[in-house]
Amino acid sequence: MTKKSDDNLQPAPIRILNIKEVCHRVGIARATVYRWKAAGLFPEPVKLGVNRIGWRDNVIQEWIENLSDDGDGPCVVD
């Protein structure tokens, strides 16, 4: 049996999520994503084209992991 070298391991590529995938992953509505983003409570998307944005999968995952355990999500004061 041969042992594979760790030199050939490459990190997994970062996936870009569209708004529908972000909403599904986080469990919130599209309007909430944009409201929280405008309030500085949600990660900024990356620009993919003239009329296209997306969110890095790892950034959304980190944001989810950093939410408080009280279950209320970010607090938005209008």
Protein backbone atom coordinates (compact mmCIF):
# COMPACT_ATOMS: atom_id res chain seq x y z
CA MET A 1 0.00 0.00 0.00
CA THR A 2 1.38 3.39 -0.93
CA LYS A 3 0.89 6.51 1.09
CA LYS A 4 -0.24 9.64 -0.75
CA SER A 5 1.88 12.70 -0.27
CA ASP A 6 0.32 15.76 1.35
CA ASP A 7 2.15 17.85 -1.26
CA ASN A 8 -0.55 17.05 -3.83
CA LEU A 9 -3.46 18.18 -1.65
CA GLN A 10 -5.06 21.39 -2.80
CA PRO A 11 -7.63 23.45 -0.91
CA ALA A 12 -11.20 23.12 -2.07
CA PRO A 13 -12.25 25.95 -4.36
CA ILE A 14 -14.38 28.66 -2.81
CA ARG A 15 -17.92 28.43 -4.08
CA ILE A 16 -19.93 31.56 -4.89
CA LEU A 17 -23.56 31.51 -3.74
CA ASN A 18 -26.33 33.41 -5.49
CA ILE A 19 -29.07 35.20 -3.54
CA LYS A 20 -31.42 32.21 -3.70
CA GLU A 21 -28.75 29.90 -2.24
CA VAL A 22 -27.87 32.45 0.47
CA CYS A 23 -31.53 32.77 1.49
CA HIS A 24 -31.89 29.00 1.64
CA ARG A 25 -28.66 28.53 3.61
CA VAL A 26 -29.45 31.24 6.17
CA GLY A 27 -33.21 30.71 6.25
CA ILE A 28 -34.22 34.32 5.60
CA ALA A 29 -36.01 36.22 2.84
CA ARG A 30 -34.27 38.05 0.04
CA ALA A 31 -35.42 41.42 1.40
CA THR A 32 -33.93 40.57 4.80
CA VAL A 33 -30.55 39.83 3.22
CA TYR A 34 -30.49 43.25 1.58
CA ARG A 35 -31.85 45.04 4.67
CA TRP A 36 -29.23 43.42 6.92
CA LYS A 37 -26.51 44.14 4.35
CA ALA A 38 -27.53 47.82 4.19
CA ALA A 39 -27.42 47.97 8.00
CA GLY A 40 -23.94 46.43 8.04
CA LEU A 41 -25.19 43.22 9.67
CA PHE A 42 -24.64 40.86 6.75
CA PRO A 43 -21.54 40.17 4.64
CA GLU A 44 -21.02 42.21 1.50
CA PRO A 45 -21.34 40.32 -1.78
CA VAL A 46 -18.71 40.17 -4.48
CA LYS A 47 -19.44 41.70 -7.86
CA LEU A 48 -19.47 39.05 -10.58
CA GLY A 49 -20.55 41.18 -13.50
CA VAL A 50 -22.54 44.24 -14.47
CA ASN A 51 -25.80 43.00 -12.94
CA ARG A 52 -24.60 39.99 -10.96
CA ILE A 53 -23.40 39.55 -7.37
CA GLY A 54 -22.72 36.56 -5.17
CA TRP A 55 -21.47 35.68 -1.72
CA ARG A 56 -18.43 33.55 -0.93
CA ASP A 57 -19.60 30.29 0.63
CA ASN A 58 -16.90 30.41 3.31
CA VAL A 59 -17.85 33.97 4.32
CA ILE A 60 -21.52 33.03 4.74
CA GLN A 61 -20.56 29.90 6.71
CA GLU A 62 -18.33 31.95 9.03
CA TRP A 63 -21.11 34.53 9.49
CA ILE A 64 -23.55 31.75 10.46
CA GLU A 65 -21.05 30.26 12.92
CA ASN A 66 -20.54 33.67 14.56
CA LEU A 67 -24.23 34.31 15.21
CA SER A 68 -25.21 34.50 18.86
CA ASP A 69 -26.98 31.55 20.41
CA ASP A 70 -30.06 33.56 21.42
CA GLY A 71 -31.76 32.72 18.12
CA ASP A 72 -32.77 36.30 17.33
CA GLY A 73 -30.27 36.89 14.53
CA PRO A 74 -28.77 40.31 14.00
CA CYS A 75 -30.68 43.17 15.57
CA VAL A 76 -31.91 45.73 13.04
CA VAL A 77 -33.25 49.01 14.35
CA ASP A 78 -35.23 50.93 11.71
